[in-house]
Protein backbone atom coordinates (compact mmCIF):
# COMPACT_ATOMS: atom_id res chain seq x y z
CA MET A 1 -15.50 -4.85 -8.35
CA LYS A 2 -11.70 -5.02 -8.57
CA LYS A 3 -9.59 -4.29 -5.52
CA LEU A 4 -9.71 -0.57 -4.87
CA ASN A 5 -6.69 1.70 -4.63
CA LYS A 6 -5.67 3.27 -1.31
CA GLU A 7 -6.99 6.71 -2.25
CA THR A 8 -10.45 5.26 -2.90
CA ILE A 9 -10.42 3.02 0.19
CA ALA A 10 -9.54 6.01 2.38
CA VAL A 11 -12.61 7.88 1.16
CA HIS A 12 -15.25 5.17 0.87
CA SER A 13 -14.44 2.10 2.97
CA GLY A 14 -16.38 1.73 6.21
CA THR A 15 -18.86 4.53 5.52
CA TYR A 16 -22.20 3.80 7.18
CA LYS A 17 -25.00 4.07 4.62
CA ASP A 18 -27.70 6.04 6.40
CA PRO A 19 -31.04 4.49 5.33
CA VAL A 20 -33.10 7.49 6.47
CA ILE A 21 -31.68 10.70 5.01
CA LYS A 22 -29.04 8.94 2.89
CA GLY A 23 -26.15 11.25 3.76
CA VAL A 24 -22.77 10.58 2.14
CA ASN A 25 -21.02 10.76 5.53
CA SER A 26 -21.47 8.36 8.42
CA PRO A 27 -23.76 9.82 11.08
CA ILE A 28 -22.60 10.13 14.69
CA PHE A 29 -24.28 7.65 17.02
CA THR A 30 -23.89 9.30 20.42
CA SER A 31 -25.67 6.70 22.56
CA THR A 32 -23.68 4.91 25.23
CA SER A 33 -26.77 2.93 26.19
CA HIS A 34 -28.39 0.50 23.75
CA GLU A 35 -31.52 -1.65 23.92
CA TYR A 36 -30.54 -5.31 24.23
CA ILE A 37 -33.87 -7.17 23.96
CA ASP A 38 -33.86 -9.34 20.83
CA GLN A 39 -30.26 -8.35 20.13
CA SER A 40 -27.55 -10.97 19.70
CA ILE A 41 -24.84 -8.42 20.55
CA LEU A 42 -24.56 -6.14 23.56
CA TYR A 43 -23.48 -2.77 22.11
CA TYR A 44 -21.34 -0.64 24.42
CA PRO A 45 -18.43 1.77 23.72
CA ARG A 46 -16.04 -0.05 26.05
CA TYR A 47 -16.72 -3.27 24.13
CA PHE A 48 -15.27 -1.65 20.97
CA ASN A 49 -18.37 -2.52 18.95
CA THR A 50 -20.39 0.66 18.44
CA GLN A 51 -21.17 1.77 14.89
CA ASN A 52 -18.73 4.69 14.73
CA GLN A 53 -15.92 2.51 16.09
CA THR A 54 -16.77 -0.12 13.49
CA ASN A 55 -16.71 2.44 10.66
CA VAL A 56 -13.13 3.44 11.47
CA ILE A 57 -11.90 -0.11 11.93
CA ILE A 58 -13.30 -1.27 8.59
CA LYS A 59 -11.51 1.60 6.84
CA LEU A 60 -8.21 1.02 8.67
CA ALA A 61 -8.34 -2.76 8.23
CA ASP A 62 -8.89 -2.30 4.49
CA LEU A 63 -6.01 0.17 4.30
CA GLU A 64 -3.68 -2.21 6.19
CA ASN A 65 -4.93 -5.40 4.51
CA ALA A 66 -5.92 -6.76 7.92
CA GLU A 67 -8.87 -8.92 8.90
CA SER A 68 -9.96 -6.82 11.84
CA GLY A 69 -8.88 -4.27 14.41
CA ILE A 70 -9.54 -2.21 17.52
CA ILE A 71 -9.65 1.57 17.82
CA PHE A 72 -8.33 3.12 21.06
CA SER A 73 -8.25 6.51 22.78
CA SER A 74 -4.46 6.79 22.26
CA GLY A 75 -1.51 5.01 20.74
CA MET A 76 -0.22 4.09 24.19
CA ALA A 77 -3.59 2.54 25.06
CA ALA A 78 -3.17 0.34 21.99
CA ILE A 79 0.45 -0.55 22.76
CA SER A 80 -0.13 -1.33 26.44
CA SER A 81 -3.23 -3.41 25.63
CA MET A 82 -1.22 -5.41 23.10
CA PHE A 83 1.69 -6.14 25.46
CA LEU A 84 -0.46 -6.98 28.48
CA SER A 85 -2.74 -9.21 26.42
CA LEU A 86 -0.05 -11.26 24.69
CA LEU A 87 2.56 -11.53 27.45
CA SER A 88 2.34 -13.21 30.87
CA PRO A 89 4.73 -13.49 33.84
CA GLY A 90 7.79 -15.47 32.76
CA ASP A 91 7.42 -14.55 29.09
CA HIS A 92 10.12 -12.73 27.15
CA ALA A 93 9.94 -10.12 24.38
CA VAL A 94 12.56 -8.93 21.88
CA ILE A 95 12.38 -5.17 21.33
CA HIS A 96 14.11 -2.96 18.79
CA ASN A 97 16.05 -0.31 20.71
CA ASP A 98 15.05 2.66 18.55
CA ILE A 99 11.39 3.15 19.51
CA TYR A 100 9.15 5.90 20.83
CA GLY A 101 10.13 7.00 24.34
CA GLY A 102 6.66 6.30 25.75
CA SER A 103 6.83 2.73 24.49
CA HIS A 104 10.33 2.34 25.94
CA ASN A 105 9.13 3.63 29.32
CA LEU A 106 6.14 1.26 29.32
CA ILE A 107 8.38 -1.71 28.61
CA THR A 108 11.06 -0.90 31.17
CA GLN A 109 8.87 0.43 33.96
CA LEU A 110 5.65 -1.59 33.71
CA LEU A 111 6.33 -4.96 32.08
CA SER A 112 9.09 -5.78 34.55
CA LYS A 113 6.62 -5.31 37.42
CA TYR A 114 4.58 -8.17 36.02
CA GLY A 115 7.52 -10.51 35.66
CA ILE A 116 7.79 -10.05 31.91
CA GLU A 117 11.37 -10.03 30.62
CA PHE A 118 12.67 -8.23 27.55
CA THR A 119 15.81 -7.72 25.50
CA PHE A 120 16.55 -4.54 23.58
CA VAL A 121 18.30 -5.19 20.27
CA GLN A 122 20.78 -2.40 19.50
CA SER A 123 21.00 -3.22 15.80
CA SER A 124 18.49 -3.46 12.95
CA HIS A 125 20.20 -6.58 11.58
CA ILE A 126 18.04 -9.69 11.66
CA GLU A 127 20.92 -11.76 13.07
CA GLU A 128 20.82 -9.69 16.26
CA PHE A 129 17.10 -10.29 16.67
CA ALA A 130 17.66 -14.02 16.20
CA LYS A 131 20.38 -14.06 18.87
CA ALA A 132 18.05 -12.38 21.37
CA ILE A 133 15.32 -15.04 21.10
CA ARG A 134 14.94 -17.41 24.06
CA ALA A 135 12.74 -20.40 24.75
CA GLN A 136 10.39 -18.05 26.62
CA THR A 137 10.21 -15.46 23.85
CA LYS A 138 6.65 -14.77 22.75
CA LEU A 139 6.91 -11.51 20.81
CA ILE A 140 9.13 -9.31 18.63
CA TYR A 141 8.34 -5.58 18.60
CA VAL A 142 9.80 -3.03 16.15
CA GLU A 143 9.17 0.38 14.64
CA SER A 144 10.03 1.00 11.00
CA PRO A 145 10.81 3.77 10.23
CA SER A 146 11.84 4.17 13.84
CA ASN A 147 11.41 7.10 16.18
CA PRO A 148 13.49 9.29 16.12
CA LEU A 149 16.45 8.07 14.03
CA LEU A 150 14.39 6.64 11.16
CA LYS A 151 16.06 3.26 11.13
CA ILE A 152 14.52 0.71 8.78
CA VAL A 153 13.93 -2.90 9.83
CA ASP A 154 13.56 -5.71 7.30
CA LEU A 155 9.90 -6.60 7.88
CA GLU A 156 9.92 -9.72 5.73
CA ALA A 157 12.93 -11.05 7.64
CA ILE A 158 11.29 -10.25 10.99
CA ALA A 159 8.11 -12.02 9.91
CA GLU A 160 10.02 -15.12 8.74
CA LEU A 161 12.05 -15.24 11.96
CA SER A 162 8.92 -14.91 14.06
CA LYS A 163 7.02 -17.62 12.24
CA ARG A 164 10.02 -19.94 12.35
CA SER A 165 10.30 -19.36 16.10
CA GLY A 166 6.57 -19.59 16.80
CA ILE A 167 6.28 -16.05 18.16
CA VAL A 168 4.15 -13.00 17.35
CA SER A 169 5.59 -10.12 15.32
CA VAL A 170 4.43 -6.55 15.95
CA VAL A 171 5.26 -3.40 13.98
CA ASP A 172 4.48 0.17 14.99
CA ASN A 173 3.64 1.60 11.55
CA THR A 174 2.90 5.15 12.72
CA PHE A 175 5.66 6.89 10.75
CA ALA A 176 4.97 5.04 7.49
CA THR A 177 1.15 5.04 7.70
CA PRO A 178 -0.92 2.51 5.70
CA ILE A 179 -0.29 4.62 2.61
CA LEU A 180 3.47 4.04 2.46
CA GLN A 181 3.82 0.60 4.04
CA ASN A 182 1.70 -2.44 4.89
CA PRO A 183 3.60 -4.75 7.27
CA ILE A 184 0.94 -7.46 7.09
CA ASP A 185 1.80 -7.91 3.40
CA PHE A 186 5.29 -8.97 4.54
CA GLY A 187 3.90 -11.51 6.99
CA ILE A 188 3.83 -9.36 10.13
CA ASP A 189 1.12 -10.42 12.60
CA ILE A 190 0.11 -7.13 14.24
CA VAL A 191 0.24 -3.50 13.10
CA ILE A 192 -0.07 -0.63 15.57
CA HIS A 193 -0.72 3.07 14.95
CA SER A 194 -0.72 6.15 17.09
CA GLY A 195 -3.71 7.68 15.35
CA THR A 196 -2.93 10.96 17.09
CA LYS A 197 -0.29 11.44 14.41
CA TYR A 198 -0.98 10.98 10.69
CA LEU A 199 -4.30 9.16 10.85
CA GLY A 200 -5.92 12.13 12.59
CA GLY A 201 -3.51 14.47 10.86
CA HIS A 202 -4.69 17.81 12.27
CA SER A 203 -3.13 17.89 15.76
CA ASP A 204 -6.55 17.89 17.41
CA LEU A 205 -7.41 14.24 17.99
CA SER A 206 -5.98 11.51 20.23
CA SER A 207 -6.42 7.90 19.13
CA GLY A 208 -4.65 4.59 18.53
CA ALA A 209 -5.28 1.41 16.57
CA ILE A 210 -4.35 -2.26 16.37
CA LEU A 211 -4.88 -4.18 13.11
CA SER A 212 -4.39 -7.92 12.82
CA SER A 213 -6.10 -11.27 12.29
CA ASN A 214 -9.54 -11.99 13.73
CA HIS A 215 -7.97 -14.39 16.24
CA LEU A 216 -5.35 -12.02 17.65
CA ILE A 217 -7.80 -9.13 17.74
CA GLU A 218 -10.20 -11.17 19.87
CA VAL A 219 -7.39 -12.12 22.26
CA ILE A 220 -6.40 -8.47 22.70
CA LYS A 221 -9.97 -7.19 22.82
CA ASN A 222 -10.91 -9.51 25.67
CA ASN A 223 -8.34 -7.73 27.85
CA ALA A 224 -8.70 -4.25 26.35
CA ILE A 225 -12.37 -4.23 27.39
CA ASN A 226 -11.19 -4.36 31.00
CA PHE A 227 -8.59 -1.60 30.47
CA GLY A 228 -11.24 0.82 29.16
CA GLY A 229 -9.20 2.58 26.47
CA ASN A 230 -12.03 2.96 23.97
CA LEU A 231 -12.61 5.96 21.70
CA ASP A 232 -15.95 7.83 21.88
CA SER A 233 -18.26 8.19 18.88
CA ASN A 234 -17.57 11.87 18.24
CA ALA A 235 -13.82 11.26 18.11
CA CYS A 236 -14.37 8.20 15.90
CA TYR A 237 -16.34 10.35 13.48
CA LEU A 238 -13.54 12.93 13.35
CA LEU A 239 -10.99 10.18 12.77
CA GLU A 240 -13.08 8.64 9.98
CA ARG A 241 -13.37 12.06 8.36
CA SER A 242 -9.61 12.69 8.67
CA LEU A 243 -8.74 9.33 7.13
CA LYS A 244 -10.47 10.37 3.92
CA THR A 245 -7.63 12.80 3.19
CA LEU A 246 -4.82 10.60 4.51
CA SER A 247 -3.49 9.66 1.08
CA ILE A 248 -3.23 13.18 -0.32
CA ARG A 249 -1.80 14.54 2.95
CA ILE A 250 0.92 11.89 3.07
CA GLU A 251 1.80 12.42 -0.58
CA LYS A 252 2.34 16.17 -0.08
CA GLN A 253 4.10 15.78 3.28
CA THR A 254 6.47 13.16 1.91
CA GLN A 255 7.35 15.29 -1.11
CA ASN A 256 8.09 18.25 1.16
CA ALA A 257 10.17 16.13 3.56
CA PHE A 258 12.32 14.72 0.76
CA THR A 259 13.05 18.21 -0.53
CA ILE A 260 13.91 19.51 2.94
CA ALA A 261 16.09 16.48 3.72
CA LYS A 262 18.14 17.09 0.57
CA TYR A 263 18.45 20.77 1.45
CA LEU A 264 19.55 20.06 5.04
CA SER A 265 22.13 17.52 3.87
CA THR A 266 24.02 20.34 2.10
CA ASN A 267 24.13 22.65 5.14
CA PRO A 268 27.58 22.67 6.79
CA LYS A 269 26.11 23.64 10.19
CA ILE A 270 24.31 20.29 10.42
CA GLU A 271 26.26 17.22 11.52
CA ASN A 272 23.95 14.41 10.40
CA VAL A 273 20.65 14.17 8.54
CA TYR A 274 18.49 11.09 9.07
CA TYR A 275 16.03 10.43 6.25
CA PRO A 276 15.61 7.06 4.50
CA GLY A 277 15.06 8.76 1.15
CA LEU A 278 18.65 9.97 1.05
CA THR A 279 21.11 7.61 -0.63
CA THR A 280 23.48 8.29 2.27
CA HIS A 281 21.04 6.67 4.70
CA PRO A 282 22.38 3.19 5.59
CA ASP A 283 18.93 1.61 5.10
CA HIS A 284 18.04 3.47 1.90
CA MET A 285 17.89 0.37 -0.30
CA LEU A 286 15.73 -1.54 2.18
CA ALA A 287 13.37 1.43 2.55
CA SER A 288 13.11 1.65 -1.25
CA LYS A 289 12.18 -2.03 -1.35
CA GLN A 290 9.49 -2.18 1.34
CA MET A 291 8.05 1.35 1.34
CA LYS A 292 6.07 3.26 -1.28
CA GLY A 293 7.60 6.53 -0.08
CA PHE A 294 10.05 7.64 2.60
CA GLY A 295 7.74 9.46 4.99
CA ALA A 296 7.44 12.98 6.33
CA ILE A 297 9.85 12.94 9.28
CA VAL A 298 13.38 14.32 8.96
CA SER A 299 15.78 14.18 11.92
CA PHE A 300 19.05 16.06 12.07
CA GLU A 301 21.74 17.09 14.53
CA LEU A 302 22.50 20.74 15.21
CA ASN A 303 24.67 21.88 18.10
CA ASP A 304 23.19 25.37 18.52
CA HIS A 305 19.65 24.09 18.30
CA ASP A 306 18.23 26.27 21.10
CA HIS A 307 18.84 29.49 19.15
CA PHE A 308 17.71 27.82 15.94
CA LEU A 309 14.35 26.87 17.47
CA LYS A 310 13.81 30.34 18.94
CA ASN A 311 14.50 31.99 15.59
CA LEU A 312 11.91 29.98 13.66
CA GLU A 313 8.77 31.91 12.71
CA LEU A 314 6.69 29.54 10.58
CA ILE A 315 7.80 26.17 11.98
CA THR A 316 6.63 25.65 15.57
CA PRO A 317 8.65 23.88 18.29
CA SER A 318 5.94 21.54 19.52
CA LEU A 319 5.15 18.08 20.84
CA SER A 320 3.87 15.20 18.70
CA LEU A 321 3.99 14.96 14.90
CA GLY A 322 2.00 14.11 11.79
CA GLY A 323 -0.20 17.19 11.49
CA VAL A 324 -0.74 19.34 8.41
CA GLU A 325 1.46 22.02 9.98
CA THR A 326 5.24 21.64 10.19
CA ILE A 327 6.54 21.30 13.75
CA ILE A 328 9.90 20.47 15.30
CA CYS A 329 11.07 19.08 18.63
CA THR A 330 14.13 18.00 20.57
CA PRO A 331 13.54 14.28 21.32
CA ALA A 332 15.82 14.36 24.39
CA LYS A 333 13.46 16.95 25.93
CA THR A 334 10.13 15.66 24.61
CA SER A 335 9.38 12.24 23.11
CA HIS A 336 12.34 10.54 24.82
CA VAL A 337 12.60 12.61 28.00
CA LYS A 338 11.62 9.63 30.17
CA ILE A 339 14.61 7.67 28.92
CA SER A 340 17.81 8.20 30.88
CA ALA A 341 20.70 10.10 29.30
CA GLU A 342 22.75 6.90 29.36
CA GLU A 343 20.06 4.95 27.52
CA ARG A 344 19.61 7.74 24.97
CA LYS A 345 23.35 7.76 24.35
CA LYS A 346 23.32 4.00 23.86
CA ALA A 347 20.50 4.40 21.33
CA GLY A 348 22.36 7.17 19.47
CA ILE A 349 19.89 9.91 20.44
CA LYS A 350 22.06 12.97 21.04
CA ASP A 351 20.94 16.10 22.88
CA SER A 352 21.59 17.97 19.62
CA LEU A 353 19.08 15.83 17.69
CA LEU A 354 16.03 17.58 16.23
CA ARG A 355 12.99 15.83 14.77
CA LEU A 356 11.14 17.73 12.05
CA SER A 357 7.57 16.71 11.25
CA VAL A 358 6.92 18.15 7.81
CA GLY A 359 3.46 19.44 6.92
CA ILE A 360 1.61 20.39 3.75
CA GLU A 361 2.72 24.03 3.46
CA SER A 362 4.73 25.40 0.55
CA VAL A 363 8.13 23.76 0.79
CA ASP A 364 9.72 27.01 -0.39
CA ASP A 365 8.26 28.85 2.59
CA LEU A 366 9.46 26.14 4.98
CA ILE A 367 13.01 26.22 3.63
CA ALA A 368 13.01 30.03 3.76
CA ASP A 369 12.06 29.86 7.45
CA ILE A 370 14.86 27.37 8.13
CA GLU A 371 17.40 29.48 6.21
CA ALA A 372 16.42 32.65 8.09
CA SER A 373 16.84 30.85 11.39
CA PHE A 374 20.27 29.52 10.38
CA ARG A 375 21.43 33.05 9.50
CA ASN A 376 20.82 34.14 13.08
CA ILE A 377 23.00 31.50 14.72
CA LYS A 378 26.75 31.14 14.80
């Protein structure tokens, strides 16, 4: 059979074919204890090798064009396992400055305790990444699109720089999802997802994933087993089910976000709109080249944002992102609250910045809610 399209992979790949009742969905294997006599493998949830974990990883690996992967209980479990598995005392990492606040906090507060050094690159230009590399550098870590300013990093250039320097390249692909972008196709070594966001897609499931080569996955897994960040079978089943609709959810959410971004860009009360689909975005051409769509996150700056948020009726001020419902947050008070005001200012994250996670509702209803809220502020 020819290589399947993403929509088909999302539905069919990894499904466990039940030989007994022949259901079309993978059954849930709830056992945490497995007979080991005459078995070549010891099955145990913390070893990341139970059937429901395997189902999800096969599907995600196929979607990301990876050889293998690991499924975790959260995105941060995946990120911390990756860093602590690939870096040792004395090593150095190059980090893009515009990343999720939890990742930033992990890097600054935890890695330094283990003698791991790091350099934050304030620009998306590849020349700045190259300048930051040292003899001890072992890893480059970026998000693209980034959280929360939606900066785009040239993944092919990052991959070439990493290979030329003999270091590992890592991309957090949460905002793009496997539907809109596949970093491994550009030569990136490791792809990370916070599955709590779009992969789960219904704001009711916490998970994370790492996708990579068989070799790097084994290196990370050997340490992750000790950290204990595995995902249980029931949650794996829910994630596998959610992934089946990933493609159609992302298509609708991206269409809605593009429409809302264009609408917001015409509103005089808004200072700046950050969305890579807009031609005014500085990385628009690069996003058009390496993405199949521009994503479902729109960030914008609004001075009187407190009244704006209180006036919304349909859109909910809420933590996280990526669900089927449209939600909004103030990064300075939520996703990036653990970063100091000085560091946020350096990264360009203003207190007036809002991050809108666009859902699958009618875009007309969403814009009407935004317009009604605007009418009630000065």
